Amino acid sequence: MTEEKRRMFEKIADILSAIDYINPEDLPNISLYMDQVTTFMEEQLNATRRHEDDKILTKTMINNYAKNKLLPPPDKKRYSREHLLVMIFIYYFKNILSISDIQTLLGPVTDKYFQSEGEKDMTYIYKEVFRTIKEQDSYLQKDLWKRYTMADAAFEDADSEDRTFLREFTFICLLSFDVYMKKMLVERLIDSMGTPDKGRDGKEKGHNKRQD
């Protein structure tokens, strides 16, 4: 392995190791007011920031989620651990899905499992989903390394001073196209789930725009 490949492998490993999810055991057992919710989310998801001043969750975001029926209303201005779990799902979805897609995807889950009286509640859903996601960590690292190896073999005839940049550009293109294809697949799968015209309260859904 060349020194350049070794550095890239370490960079990929470092980036992946810094990305984690909130452990259900770390969720508070008491309901929180909005300021406490934003503080908790900022602390727990700090590693996902790209820039230091990026906001993980704000009061405006929470109010918009409630207004668009993505988040069940709080109880006396306090948010339970189940509210936090829904917000975590929204946090990951909102970067790639529109409001209406998140409604279609999350609506049936919150309708059935939010404040469920049985053992199968939002914590059950969250634990099972993220257990499955964590199981693919090693596969993801191998897949990324395979794509980098493909990119590293490109532009053999390029000028030597351009080769490193062009290969990194190719690697980013491979990753971007993969994201594009998977995003399209996710949207088609959501479409196949049905696109109801009504939200949780029976009113018309929001426009097809992303939530900031």
N, C-alpha and C. Protein backbone atom coordinates (compact mmCIF):
# COMPACT_ATOMS: atom_id res chain seq x y z
N MET A 1 0.85 -1.20 0.00
CA MET A 1 0.00 0.00 0.00
C MET A 1 0.88 1.24 0.00
N THR A 2 0.59 2.16 -0.92
CA THR A 2 1.37 3.39 -1.00
C THR A 2 1.03 4.30 0.18
N GLU A 3 1.89 5.29 0.42
CA GLU A 3 1.65 6.23 1.50
C GLU A 3 0.36 7.01 1.28
N GLU A 4 0.09 7.36 0.02
CA GLU A 4 -1.14 8.10 -0.30
C GLU A 4 -2.37 7.27 0.00
N LYS A 5 -2.34 5.98 -0.36
CA LYS A 5 -3.47 5.09 -0.08
C LYS A 5 -3.65 4.91 1.43
N ARG A 6 -2.55 4.77 2.14
CA ARG A 6 -2.63 4.59 3.58
C ARG A 6 -3.29 5.80 4.25
N ARG A 7 -2.91 7.02 3.80
CA ARG A 7 -3.50 8.23 4.37
C ARG A 7 -5.00 8.30 4.09
N MET A 8 -5.40 7.93 2.88
CA MET A 8 -6.82 7.95 2.53
C MET A 8 -7.59 6.91 3.33
N PHE A 9 -7.01 5.72 3.51
CA PHE A 9 -7.66 4.68 4.29
C PHE A 9 -7.88 5.17 5.72
N GLU A 10 -6.88 5.81 6.30
CA GLU A 10 -7.00 6.33 7.67
C GLU A 10 -8.03 7.44 7.75
N LYS A 11 -8.08 8.28 6.70
CA LYS A 11 -9.06 9.37 6.68
C LYS A 11 -10.48 8.80 6.66
N ILE A 12 -10.73 7.80 5.80
CA ILE A 12 -12.05 7.18 5.71
C ILE A 12 -12.43 6.54 7.04
N ALA A 13 -11.48 5.82 7.65
CA ALA A 13 -11.74 5.16 8.93
C ALA A 13 -12.05 6.18 10.02
N ASP A 14 -11.30 7.29 10.04
CA ASP A 14 -11.52 8.33 11.05
C ASP A 14 -12.89 8.97 10.90
N ILE A 15 -13.29 9.25 9.65
CA ILE A 15 -14.59 9.88 9.40
C ILE A 15 -15.72 8.96 9.84
N LEU A 16 -15.62 7.69 9.49
CA LEU A 16 -16.67 6.74 9.85
C LEU A 16 -16.76 6.53 11.36
N SER A 17 -15.61 6.48 12.02
CA SER A 17 -15.62 6.22 13.46
C SER A 17 -16.21 7.40 14.24
N ALA A 18 -16.14 8.60 13.64
CA ALA A 18 -16.68 9.78 14.32
C ALA A 18 -18.19 9.89 14.19
N ILE A 19 -18.76 9.16 13.25
CA ILE A 19 -20.20 9.21 13.02
C ILE A 19 -20.87 8.10 13.82
N ASP A 20 -21.68 8.48 14.76
CA ASP A 20 -22.33 7.50 15.62
C ASP A 20 -23.80 7.89 15.78
N TYR A 21 -24.54 7.06 16.46
CA TYR A 21 -25.94 7.39 16.72
C TYR A 21 -26.16 7.47 18.22
N ILE A 22 -27.25 8.07 18.61
CA ILE A 22 -27.54 8.25 20.02
C ILE A 22 -28.03 6.93 20.60
N ASN A 23 -27.33 6.46 21.61
CA ASN A 23 -27.72 5.22 22.27
C ASN A 23 -29.01 5.46 23.06
N PRO A 24 -30.00 4.59 22.91
CA PRO A 24 -31.26 4.77 23.65
C PRO A 24 -31.06 4.90 25.15
N GLU A 25 -30.02 4.23 25.68
CA GLU A 25 -29.75 4.31 27.12
C GLU A 25 -29.29 5.71 27.54
N ASP A 26 -28.84 6.51 26.57
CA ASP A 26 -28.38 7.87 26.88
C ASP A 26 -29.52 8.88 26.89
N LEU A 27 -30.70 8.46 26.47
CA LEU A 27 -31.84 9.36 26.45
C LEU A 27 -32.34 9.60 27.88
N PRO A 28 -32.69 10.83 28.20
CA PRO A 28 -33.19 11.10 29.56
C PRO A 28 -34.52 10.41 29.81
N ASN A 29 -34.73 10.02 31.05
CA ASN A 29 -35.97 9.34 31.43
C ASN A 29 -37.06 10.32 31.86
N ILE A 30 -36.75 11.59 31.82
CA ILE A 30 -37.74 12.62 32.16
C ILE A 30 -38.04 13.46 30.93
N SER A 31 -39.20 14.08 30.92
CA SER A 31 -39.56 14.96 29.80
C SER A 31 -38.75 16.25 29.88
N LEU A 32 -38.45 16.82 28.72
CA LEU A 32 -37.62 18.02 28.65
C LEU A 32 -38.38 19.18 28.03
N TYR A 33 -38.02 20.38 28.46
CA TYR A 33 -38.52 21.58 27.80
C TYR A 33 -37.68 21.81 26.54
N MET A 34 -38.17 22.69 25.67
CA MET A 34 -37.54 22.85 24.37
C MET A 34 -36.06 23.21 24.47
N ASP A 35 -35.69 24.13 25.35
CA ASP A 35 -34.28 24.50 25.50
C ASP A 35 -33.43 23.30 25.88
N GLN A 36 -33.97 22.44 26.72
CA GLN A 36 -33.25 21.24 27.14
C GLN A 36 -33.12 20.24 25.98
N VAL A 37 -34.15 20.19 25.15
CA VAL A 37 -34.12 19.31 23.98
C VAL A 37 -33.02 19.74 23.02
N THR A 38 -32.98 21.02 22.68
CA THR A 38 -31.96 21.50 21.74
C THR A 38 -30.56 21.30 22.30
N THR A 39 -30.37 21.53 23.59
CA THR A 39 -29.07 21.32 24.21
C THR A 39 -28.65 19.86 24.15
N PHE A 40 -29.58 18.96 24.47
CA PHE A 40 -29.29 17.53 24.44
C PHE A 40 -28.90 17.09 23.03
N MET A 41 -29.67 17.50 22.03
CA MET A 41 -29.38 17.08 20.66
C MET A 41 -28.06 17.66 20.16
N GLU A 42 -27.77 18.91 20.51
CA GLU A 42 -26.51 19.53 20.11
C GLU A 42 -25.33 18.75 20.69
N GLU A 43 -25.45 18.34 21.94
CA GLU A 43 -24.36 17.61 22.58
C GLU A 43 -24.19 16.21 21.99
N GLN A 44 -25.30 15.53 21.79
CA GLN A 44 -25.24 14.13 21.34
C GLN A 44 -24.82 13.98 19.88
N LEU A 45 -25.21 14.94 19.04
CA LEU A 45 -24.93 14.84 17.61
C LEU A 45 -23.85 15.82 17.16
N ASN A 46 -23.03 16.26 18.10
CA ASN A 46 -21.99 17.24 17.79
C ASN A 46 -21.03 16.74 16.71
N ALA A 47 -20.72 15.44 16.71
CA ALA A 47 -19.75 14.89 15.75
C ALA A 47 -20.26 14.93 14.32
N THR A 48 -21.55 15.13 14.11
CA THR A 48 -22.09 15.15 12.75
C THR A 48 -21.99 16.53 12.10
N ARG A 49 -21.56 17.53 12.87
CA ARG A 49 -21.43 18.88 12.29
C ARG A 49 -20.35 18.88 11.21
N ARG A 50 -20.61 19.63 10.16
CA ARG A 50 -19.56 19.85 9.17
C ARG A 50 -18.75 21.08 9.54
N HIS A 51 -19.47 22.13 9.97
CA HIS A 51 -18.83 23.37 10.41
C HIS A 51 -19.18 23.62 11.87
N GLU A 52 -18.30 24.33 12.54
CA GLU A 52 -18.45 24.54 13.97
C GLU A 52 -19.74 25.26 14.33
N ASP A 53 -20.20 26.17 13.45
CA ASP A 53 -21.40 26.94 13.77
C ASP A 53 -22.68 26.32 13.21
N ASP A 54 -22.60 25.10 12.68
CA ASP A 54 -23.79 24.42 12.19
C ASP A 54 -24.73 24.11 13.36
N LYS A 55 -26.02 24.26 13.11
CA LYS A 55 -27.02 23.98 14.13
C LYS A 55 -27.60 22.58 13.92
N ILE A 56 -27.62 21.79 14.97
CA ILE A 56 -28.21 20.46 14.91
C ILE A 56 -29.73 20.55 14.96
N LEU A 57 -30.23 21.31 15.92
CA LEU A 57 -31.67 21.45 16.12
C LEU A 57 -31.95 22.80 16.78
N THR A 58 -32.93 23.51 16.27
CA THR A 58 -33.30 24.80 16.84
C THR A 58 -34.78 24.80 17.21
N LYS A 59 -35.19 25.82 17.96
CA LYS A 59 -36.60 25.94 18.33
C LYS A 59 -37.46 26.08 17.08
N THR A 60 -36.97 26.85 16.10
CA THR A 60 -37.72 27.03 14.85
C THR A 60 -37.93 25.69 14.14
N MET A 61 -36.89 24.88 14.10
CA MET A 61 -37.01 23.56 13.46
C MET A 61 -38.07 22.72 14.16
N ILE A 62 -38.01 22.68 15.49
CA ILE A 62 -38.98 21.87 16.25
C ILE A 62 -40.40 22.36 15.99
N ASN A 63 -40.59 23.67 16.00
CA ASN A 63 -41.92 24.22 15.73
C ASN A 63 -42.39 23.87 14.32
N ASN A 64 -41.47 23.90 13.36
CA ASN A 64 -41.83 23.53 11.98
C ASN A 64 -42.18 22.05 11.87
N TYR A 65 -41.47 21.21 12.60
CA TYR A 65 -41.78 19.78 12.56
C TYR A 65 -43.20 19.54 13.10
N ALA A 66 -43.52 20.24 14.19
CA ALA A 66 -44.86 20.09 14.77
C ALA A 66 -45.92 20.65 13.82
N LYS A 67 -45.64 21.80 13.22
CA LYS A 67 -46.59 22.44 12.31
C LYS A 67 -46.86 21.56 11.09
N ASN A 68 -45.84 20.87 10.61
CA ASN A 68 -45.99 20.00 9.45
C ASN A 68 -46.38 18.58 9.82
N LYS A 69 -46.74 18.37 11.10
CA LYS A 69 -47.23 17.07 11.57
C LYS A 69 -46.19 15.96 11.46
N LEU A 70 -44.91 16.35 11.50
CA LEU A 70 -43.86 15.34 11.55
C LEU A 70 -43.62 14.88 12.98
N LEU A 71 -43.94 15.75 13.93
CA LEU A 71 -43.69 15.50 15.33
C LEU A 71 -44.98 15.65 16.13
N PRO A 72 -45.35 14.64 16.91
CA PRO A 72 -46.54 14.77 17.77
C PRO A 72 -46.38 15.96 18.72
N PRO A 73 -47.47 16.59 19.11
CA PRO A 73 -47.38 17.76 19.98
C PRO A 73 -46.82 17.40 21.36
N PRO A 74 -46.12 18.34 22.01
CA PRO A 74 -45.59 18.08 23.35
C PRO A 74 -46.71 18.04 24.38
N ASP A 75 -46.40 17.49 25.53
CA ASP A 75 -47.36 17.44 26.64
C ASP A 75 -47.00 18.57 27.61
N LYS A 76 -47.83 19.61 27.63
CA LYS A 76 -47.59 20.76 28.50
C LYS A 76 -46.20 21.35 28.27
N LYS A 77 -45.86 21.51 26.98
CA LYS A 77 -44.60 22.11 26.53
C LYS A 77 -43.37 21.26 26.87
N ARG A 78 -43.60 20.01 27.21
CA ARG A 78 -42.48 19.12 27.51
C ARG A 78 -42.45 17.96 26.53
N TYR A 79 -41.23 17.55 26.19
CA TYR A 79 -41.02 16.52 25.18
C TYR A 79 -40.46 15.25 25.84
N SER A 80 -41.10 14.13 25.54
CA SER A 80 -40.71 12.85 26.13
C SER A 80 -39.53 12.25 25.36
N ARG A 81 -39.02 11.13 25.86
CA ARG A 81 -37.93 10.43 25.15
C ARG A 81 -38.43 9.95 23.79
N GLU A 82 -39.73 9.65 23.66
CA GLU A 82 -40.25 9.24 22.36
C GLU A 82 -40.23 10.41 21.38
N HIS A 83 -40.50 11.62 21.86
CA HIS A 83 -40.35 12.80 21.01
C HIS A 83 -38.91 12.90 20.50
N LEU A 84 -37.95 12.67 21.39
CA LEU A 84 -36.55 12.75 21.01
C LEU A 84 -36.20 11.72 19.93
N LEU A 85 -36.74 10.52 20.06
CA LEU A 85 -36.48 9.48 19.06
C LEU A 85 -37.03 9.89 17.70
N VAL A 86 -38.23 10.46 17.69
CA VAL A 86 -38.80 10.93 16.42
C VAL A 86 -37.93 12.03 15.83
N MET A 87 -37.45 12.95 16.67
CA MET A 87 -36.58 14.03 16.19
C MET A 87 -35.28 13.51 15.60
N ILE A 88 -34.75 12.43 16.19
CA ILE A 88 -33.51 11.85 15.66
C ILE A 88 -33.75 11.28 14.26
N PHE A 89 -34.86 10.57 14.08
CA PHE A 89 -35.19 10.07 12.75
C PHE A 89 -35.33 11.23 11.76
N ILE A 90 -36.03 12.28 12.16
CA ILE A 90 -36.21 13.44 11.29
C ILE A 90 -34.86 14.06 10.94
N TYR A 91 -33.98 14.13 11.92
CA TYR A 91 -32.66 14.74 11.70
C TYR A 91 -31.92 14.04 10.56
N TYR A 92 -31.96 12.73 10.54
CA TYR A 92 -31.27 12.00 9.49
C TYR A 92 -32.03 12.05 8.16
N PHE A 93 -33.34 12.01 8.21
CA PHE A 93 -34.14 12.03 6.98
C PHE A 93 -34.09 13.38 6.26
N LYS A 94 -34.07 14.48 7.03
CA LYS A 94 -34.30 15.80 6.44
C LYS A 94 -33.21 16.22 5.47
N ASN A 95 -32.06 15.59 5.54
CA ASN A 95 -30.98 15.96 4.63
C ASN A 95 -31.17 15.41 3.22
N ILE A 96 -32.05 14.43 3.08
CA ILE A 96 -32.24 13.84 1.75
C ILE A 96 -33.70 13.75 1.32
N LEU A 97 -34.65 13.92 2.26
CA LEU A 97 -36.06 13.73 1.94
C LEU A 97 -36.85 15.01 2.13
N SER A 98 -37.91 15.16 1.37
CA SER A 98 -38.81 16.29 1.51
C SER A 98 -39.72 16.08 2.72
N ILE A 99 -40.40 17.15 3.11
CA ILE A 99 -41.35 17.07 4.22
C ILE A 99 -42.42 16.02 3.96
N SER A 100 -42.98 16.05 2.75
CA SER A 100 -44.07 15.11 2.45
C SER A 100 -43.57 13.67 2.46
N ASP A 101 -42.32 13.44 2.02
CA ASP A 101 -41.77 12.09 2.07
C ASP A 101 -41.57 11.63 3.51
N ILE A 102 -41.09 12.52 4.36
CA ILE A 102 -40.91 12.16 5.77
C ILE A 102 -42.26 11.88 6.42
N GLN A 103 -43.28 12.66 6.05
CA GLN A 103 -44.63 12.40 6.56
C GLN A 103 -45.10 11.01 6.17
N THR A 104 -44.91 10.67 4.89
CA THR A 104 -45.35 9.37 4.40
C THR A 104 -44.62 8.24 5.10
N LEU A 105 -43.33 8.45 5.34
CA LEU A 105 -42.51 7.40 5.93
C LEU A 105 -42.71 7.27 7.44
N LEU A 106 -42.70 8.39 8.15
CA LEU A 106 -42.77 8.37 9.61
C LEU A 106 -44.19 8.30 10.15
N GLY A 107 -45.15 8.83 9.40
CA GLY A 107 -46.52 8.89 9.87
C GLY A 107 -47.07 7.57 10.38
N PRO A 108 -47.00 6.51 9.58
CA PRO A 108 -47.54 5.22 10.05
C PRO A 108 -46.81 4.68 11.28
N VAL A 109 -45.53 5.00 11.40
CA VAL A 109 -44.75 4.53 12.55
C VAL A 109 -45.19 5.25 13.82
N THR A 110 -45.27 6.59 13.76
CA THR A 110 -45.68 7.34 14.96
C THR A 110 -47.15 7.08 15.29
N ASP A 111 -47.99 6.90 14.27
CA ASP A 111 -49.40 6.61 14.53
C ASP A 111 -49.57 5.33 15.36
N LYS A 112 -48.73 4.33 15.07
CA LYS A 112 -48.90 3.03 15.73
C LYS A 112 -48.04 2.88 16.99
N TYR A 113 -46.84 3.45 16.99
CA TYR A 113 -45.90 3.13 18.05
C TYR A 113 -45.62 4.28 19.02
N PHE A 114 -46.00 5.51 18.68
CA PHE A 114 -45.77 6.62 19.60
C PHE A 114 -46.72 6.50 20.79
N GLN A 115 -46.14 6.47 21.97
CA GLN A 115 -46.90 6.30 23.22
C GLN A 115 -47.76 5.04 23.19
N SER A 116 -47.21 4.00 22.59
CA SER A 116 -47.90 2.71 22.56
C SER A 116 -47.95 2.12 23.96
N GLU A 117 -49.04 1.48 24.29
CA GLU A 117 -49.19 0.88 25.61
C GLU A 117 -48.52 -0.49 25.70
N GLY A 118 -48.15 -1.05 24.55
CA GLY A 118 -47.49 -2.35 24.56
C GLY A 118 -45.98 -2.19 24.66
N GLU A 119 -45.26 -3.32 24.59
CA GLU A 119 -43.80 -3.30 24.66
C GLU A 119 -43.18 -2.73 23.39
N LYS A 120 -43.88 -2.87 22.29
CA LYS A 120 -43.35 -2.39 21.01
C LYS A 120 -43.72 -0.91 20.84
N ASP A 121 -42.77 -0.05 21.22
CA ASP A 121 -42.99 1.39 21.15
C ASP A 121 -41.91 2.02 20.29
N MET A 122 -41.73 3.34 20.36
CA MET A 122 -40.73 4.02 19.54
C MET A 122 -39.31 3.59 19.92
N THR A 123 -39.09 3.28 21.18
CA THR A 123 -37.77 2.80 21.59
C THR A 123 -37.47 1.47 20.91
N TYR A 124 -38.46 0.60 20.85
CA TYR A 124 -38.32 -0.69 20.17
C TYR A 124 -37.96 -0.47 18.69
N ILE A 125 -38.67 0.43 18.02
CA ILE A 125 -38.41 0.73 16.61
C ILE A 125 -37.00 1.27 16.43
N TYR A 126 -36.62 2.25 17.26
CA TYR A 126 -35.32 2.89 17.15
C TYR A 126 -34.18 1.89 17.36
N LYS A 127 -34.28 1.09 18.41
CA LYS A 127 -33.22 0.12 18.70
C LYS A 127 -33.03 -0.87 17.56
N GLU A 128 -34.12 -1.37 17.02
CA GLU A 128 -34.03 -2.38 15.97
C GLU A 128 -33.47 -1.79 14.68
N VAL A 129 -33.91 -0.60 14.31
CA VAL A 129 -33.42 0.04 13.09
C VAL A 129 -31.92 0.31 13.19
N PHE A 130 -31.49 0.92 14.29
CA PHE A 130 -30.08 1.27 14.39
C PHE A 130 -29.19 0.07 14.70
N ARG A 131 -29.73 -0.99 15.27
CA ARG A 131 -28.96 -2.23 15.39
C ARG A 131 -28.63 -2.76 14.01
N THR A 132 -29.62 -2.72 13.12
CA THR A 132 -29.42 -3.18 11.75
C THR A 132 -28.41 -2.31 11.02
N ILE A 133 -28.51 -1.00 11.23
CA ILE A 133 -27.58 -0.08 10.57
C ILE A 133 -26.15 -0.31 11.04
N LYS A 134 -25.96 -0.49 12.35
CA LYS A 134 -24.62 -0.70 12.88
C LYS A 134 -23.98 -1.97 12.34
N GLU A 135 -24.80 -2.96 12.02
CA GLU A 135 -24.28 -4.22 11.52
C GLU A 135 -23.62 -4.09 10.14
N GLN A 136 -23.92 -3.01 9.43
CA GLN A 136 -23.35 -2.85 8.10
C GLN A 136 -22.11 -1.94 8.09
N ASP A 137 -21.61 -1.56 9.26
CA ASP A 137 -20.44 -0.68 9.34
C ASP A 137 -19.23 -1.24 8.61
N SER A 138 -18.92 -2.51 8.85
CA SER A 138 -17.75 -3.11 8.23
C SER A 138 -17.94 -3.21 6.72
N TYR A 139 -19.17 -3.51 6.29
CA TYR A 139 -19.46 -3.57 4.85
C TYR A 139 -19.26 -2.20 4.22
N LEU A 140 -19.71 -1.15 4.89
CA LEU A 140 -19.59 0.20 4.36
C LEU A 140 -18.13 0.58 4.17
N GLN A 141 -17.29 0.27 5.16
CA GLN A 141 -15.88 0.62 5.05
C GLN A 141 -15.22 -0.13 3.89
N LYS A 142 -15.56 -1.40 3.72
CA LYS A 142 -15.00 -2.18 2.61
C LYS A 142 -15.48 -1.63 1.27
N ASP A 143 -16.76 -1.23 1.21
CA ASP A 143 -17.30 -0.69 -0.04
C ASP A 143 -16.62 0.64 -0.40
N LEU A 144 -16.39 1.49 0.59
CA LEU A 144 -15.72 2.76 0.34
C LEU A 144 -14.29 2.53 -0.13
N TRP A 145 -13.63 1.59 0.49
CA TRP A 145 -12.26 1.31 0.09
C TRP A 145 -12.21 0.75 -1.33
N LYS A 146 -13.17 -0.08 -1.70
CA LYS A 146 -13.24 -0.62 -3.06
C LYS A 146 -13.42 0.51 -4.07
N ARG A 147 -14.29 1.47 -3.75
CA ARG A 147 -14.51 2.59 -4.67
C ARG A 147 -13.27 3.47 -4.77
N TYR A 148 -12.57 3.67 -3.65
CA TYR A 148 -11.35 4.46 -3.72
C TYR A 148 -10.30 3.76 -4.57
N THR A 149 -10.21 2.43 -4.46
CA THR A 149 -9.25 1.67 -5.26
C THR A 149 -9.57 1.82 -6.74
N MET A 150 -10.86 1.81 -7.08
CA MET A 150 -11.27 2.02 -8.48
C MET A 150 -10.84 3.40 -8.96
N ALA A 151 -11.09 4.42 -8.12
CA ALA A 151 -10.73 5.79 -8.50
C ALA A 151 -9.22 5.95 -8.61
N ASP A 152 -8.50 5.26 -7.75
CA ASP A 152 -7.04 5.37 -7.73
C ASP A 152 -6.40 4.78 -8.98
N ALA A 153 -7.14 3.92 -9.68
CA ALA A 153 -6.62 3.32 -10.91
C ALA A 153 -6.94 4.16 -12.15
N ALA A 154 -7.70 5.24 -11.96
CA ALA A 154 -8.09 6.10 -13.09
C ALA A 154 -6.98 7.10 -13.43
N PHE A 155 -7.10 7.68 -14.60
CA PHE A 155 -6.22 8.76 -15.06
C PHE A 155 -4.74 8.39 -15.04
N GLU A 156 -4.44 7.17 -15.51
CA GLU A 156 -3.05 6.75 -15.60
C GLU A 156 -2.26 7.63 -16.56
N ASP A 157 -2.96 8.17 -17.59
CA ASP A 157 -2.26 8.97 -18.60
C ASP A 157 -2.30 10.47 -18.29
N ALA A 158 -2.83 10.85 -17.14
CA ALA A 158 -2.91 12.27 -16.78
C ALA A 158 -1.53 12.80 -16.40
N ASP A 159 -1.36 14.11 -16.50
CA ASP A 159 -0.11 14.72 -16.05
C ASP A 159 0.09 14.43 -14.57
N SER A 160 1.31 14.16 -14.18
CA SER A 160 1.58 13.74 -12.82
C SER A 160 1.12 14.76 -11.78
N GLU A 161 1.21 16.06 -12.12
CA GLU A 161 0.81 17.08 -11.16
C GLU A 161 -0.71 17.16 -10.99
N ASP A 162 -1.47 16.58 -11.94
CA ASP A 162 -2.94 16.60 -11.88
C ASP A 162 -3.52 15.28 -11.38
N ARG A 163 -2.71 14.22 -11.39
CA ARG A 163 -3.25 12.88 -11.17
C ARG A 163 -3.92 12.72 -9.81
N THR A 164 -3.29 13.21 -8.75
CA THR A 164 -3.86 13.06 -7.40
C THR A 164 -5.21 13.74 -7.30
N PHE A 165 -5.29 14.99 -7.79
CA PHE A 165 -6.56 15.72 -7.74
C PHE A 165 -7.63 15.01 -8.56
N LEU A 166 -7.30 14.56 -9.76
CA LEU A 166 -8.28 13.92 -10.63
C LEU A 166 -8.78 12.60 -10.03
N ARG A 167 -7.93 11.89 -9.36
CA ARG A 167 -8.35 10.64 -8.74
C ARG A 167 -9.26 10.90 -7.55
N GLU A 168 -8.96 11.92 -6.77
CA GLU A 168 -9.85 12.26 -5.66
C GLU A 168 -11.18 12.78 -6.18
N PHE A 169 -11.13 13.54 -7.28
CA PHE A 169 -12.36 14.00 -7.94
C PHE A 169 -13.20 12.80 -8.39
N THR A 170 -12.56 11.79 -8.96
CA THR A 170 -13.26 10.58 -9.40
C THR A 170 -13.89 9.85 -8.22
N PHE A 171 -13.15 9.77 -7.11
CA PHE A 171 -13.67 9.11 -5.90
C PHE A 171 -14.93 9.82 -5.40
N ILE A 172 -14.89 11.14 -5.36
CA ILE A 172 -16.05 11.91 -4.92
C ILE A 172 -17.21 11.74 -5.90
N CYS A 173 -16.92 11.67 -7.19
CA CYS A 173 -17.98 11.43 -8.19
C CYS A 173 -18.63 10.07 -7.98
N LEU A 174 -17.83 9.05 -7.71
CA LEU A 174 -18.38 7.72 -7.46
C LEU A 174 -19.30 7.73 -6.25
N LEU A 175 -18.87 8.39 -5.18
CA LEU A 175 -19.69 8.47 -3.97
C LEU A 175 -20.96 9.26 -4.23
N SER A 176 -20.83 10.37 -4.96
CA SER A 176 -21.99 11.23 -5.23
C SER A 176 -23.02 10.50 -6.08
N PHE A 177 -22.57 9.76 -7.08
CA PHE A 177 -23.51 9.02 -7.92
C PHE A 177 -24.20 7.93 -7.12
N ASP A 178 -23.46 7.31 -6.20
CA ASP A 178 -24.05 6.28 -5.33
C ASP A 178 -25.15 6.90 -4.46
N VAL A 179 -24.88 8.08 -3.89
CA VAL A 179 -25.88 8.77 -3.09
C VAL A 179 -27.10 9.13 -3.94
N TYR A 180 -26.84 9.62 -5.15
CA TYR A 180 -27.93 10.00 -6.07
C TYR A 180 -28.83 8.81 -6.37
N MET A 181 -28.22 7.68 -6.69
CA MET A 181 -29.00 6.49 -7.03
C MET A 181 -29.79 5.98 -5.82
N LYS A 182 -29.18 5.99 -4.66
CA LYS A 182 -29.87 5.50 -3.47
C LYS A 182 -30.98 6.46 -3.05
N LYS A 183 -30.75 7.74 -3.22
CA LYS A 183 -31.81 8.72 -2.92
C LYS A 183 -33.00 8.48 -3.84
N MET A 184 -32.73 8.25 -5.12
CA MET A 184 -33.81 7.98 -6.06
C MET A 184 -34.55 6.70 -5.68
N LEU A 185 -33.80 5.68 -5.26
CA LEU A 185 -34.42 4.42 -4.84
C LEU A 185 -35.31 4.63 -3.62
N VAL A 186 -34.82 5.40 -2.64
CA VAL A 186 -35.60 5.69 -1.44
C VAL A 186 -36.90 6.40 -1.82
N GLU A 187 -36.81 7.39 -2.70
CA GLU A 187 -38.01 8.13 -3.11
C GLU A 187 -39.02 7.22 -3.81
N ARG A 188 -38.52 6.32 -4.65
CA ARG A 188 -39.43 5.39 -5.35
C ARG A 188 -40.08 4.43 -4.36
N LEU A 189 -39.32 3.99 -3.37
CA LEU A 189 -39.89 3.09 -2.36
C LEU A 189 -40.96 3.79 -1.54
N ILE A 190 -40.70 5.06 -1.19
CA ILE A 190 -41.70 5.83 -0.46
C ILE A 190 -42.95 6.02 -1.31
N ASP A 191 -42.77 6.29 -2.61
CA ASP A 191 -43.91 6.43 -3.51
C ASP A 191 -44.74 5.15 -3.54
N SER A 192 -44.05 4.01 -3.48
CA SER A 192 -44.78 2.74 -3.55
C SER A 192 -45.53 2.44 -2.25
N MET A 193 -45.17 3.16 -1.17
CA MET A 193 -45.89 2.99 0.09
C MET A 193 -47.24 3.70 0.03
N GLY A 194 -47.42 4.53 -0.98
CA GLY A 194 -48.63 5.31 -1.10
C GLY A 194 -48.32 6.75 -0.74
N THR A 195 -49.00 7.66 -1.39
CA THR A 195 -48.79 9.08 -1.13
C THR A 195 -50.10 9.70 -0.68
N PRO A 196 -50.51 9.46 0.56
CA PRO A 196 -51.78 10.02 1.04
C PRO A 196 -51.75 11.53 1.00
N ASP A 197 -52.91 12.13 0.72
CA ASP A 197 -53.02 13.57 0.61
C ASP A 197 -53.22 14.25 1.95
N LYS A 198 -53.45 13.45 2.97
CA LYS A 198 -53.76 14.03 4.27
C LYS A 198 -52.65 13.74 5.27
N GLY A 199 -52.47 14.63 6.21
CA GLY A 199 -51.52 14.44 7.29
C GLY A 199 -52.17 13.78 8.47
N ARG A 200 -51.49 13.80 9.60
CA ARG A 200 -52.00 13.13 10.80
C ARG A 200 -53.29 13.75 11.30
N ASP A 201 -53.50 15.05 11.00
CA ASP A 201 -54.71 15.71 11.50
C ASP A 201 -55.81 15.78 10.45
N GLY A 202 -55.56 15.13 9.26
CA GLY A 202 -56.57 15.14 8.22
C GLY A 202 -56.47 16.31 7.28
N LYS A 203 -55.53 17.24 7.53
CA LYS A 203 -55.38 18.40 6.65
C LYS A 203 -54.42 18.07 5.52
N GLU A 204 -54.43 18.95 4.51
CA GLU A 204 -53.55 18.74 3.38
C GLU A 204 -52.10 18.79 3.84
N LYS A 205 -51.26 17.97 3.23
CA LYS A 205 -49.85 17.95 3.58
C LYS A 205 -49.15 19.17 3.05
N GLY A 206 -47.91 19.39 3.56
CA GLY A 206 -47.10 20.52 3.12
C GLY A 206 -46.58 20.30 1.72
N HIS A 207 -45.99 21.34 1.17
CA HIS A 207 -45.43 21.25 -0.17
C HIS A 207 -44.19 20.39 -0.16
N ASN A 208 -43.78 19.97 -1.34
CA ASN A 208 -42.66 19.07 -1.48
C ASN A 208 -41.34 19.85 -1.39
N LYS A 209 -41.00 20.25 -0.15
CA LYS A 209 -39.78 21.00 0.06
C LYS A 209 -39.04 20.41 1.25
N ARG A 210 -37.74 20.68 1.31
CA ARG A 210 -36.94 20.15 2.41
C ARG A 210 -37.07 21.03 3.62
N GLN A 211 -36.90 20.40 4.79
CA GLN A 211 -37.00 21.12 6.05
C GLN A 211 -35.63 21.56 6.51
N ASP A 212 -35.46 22.83 6.73
CA ASP A 212 -34.18 23.35 7.22
C ASP A 212 -34.21 23.43 8.74
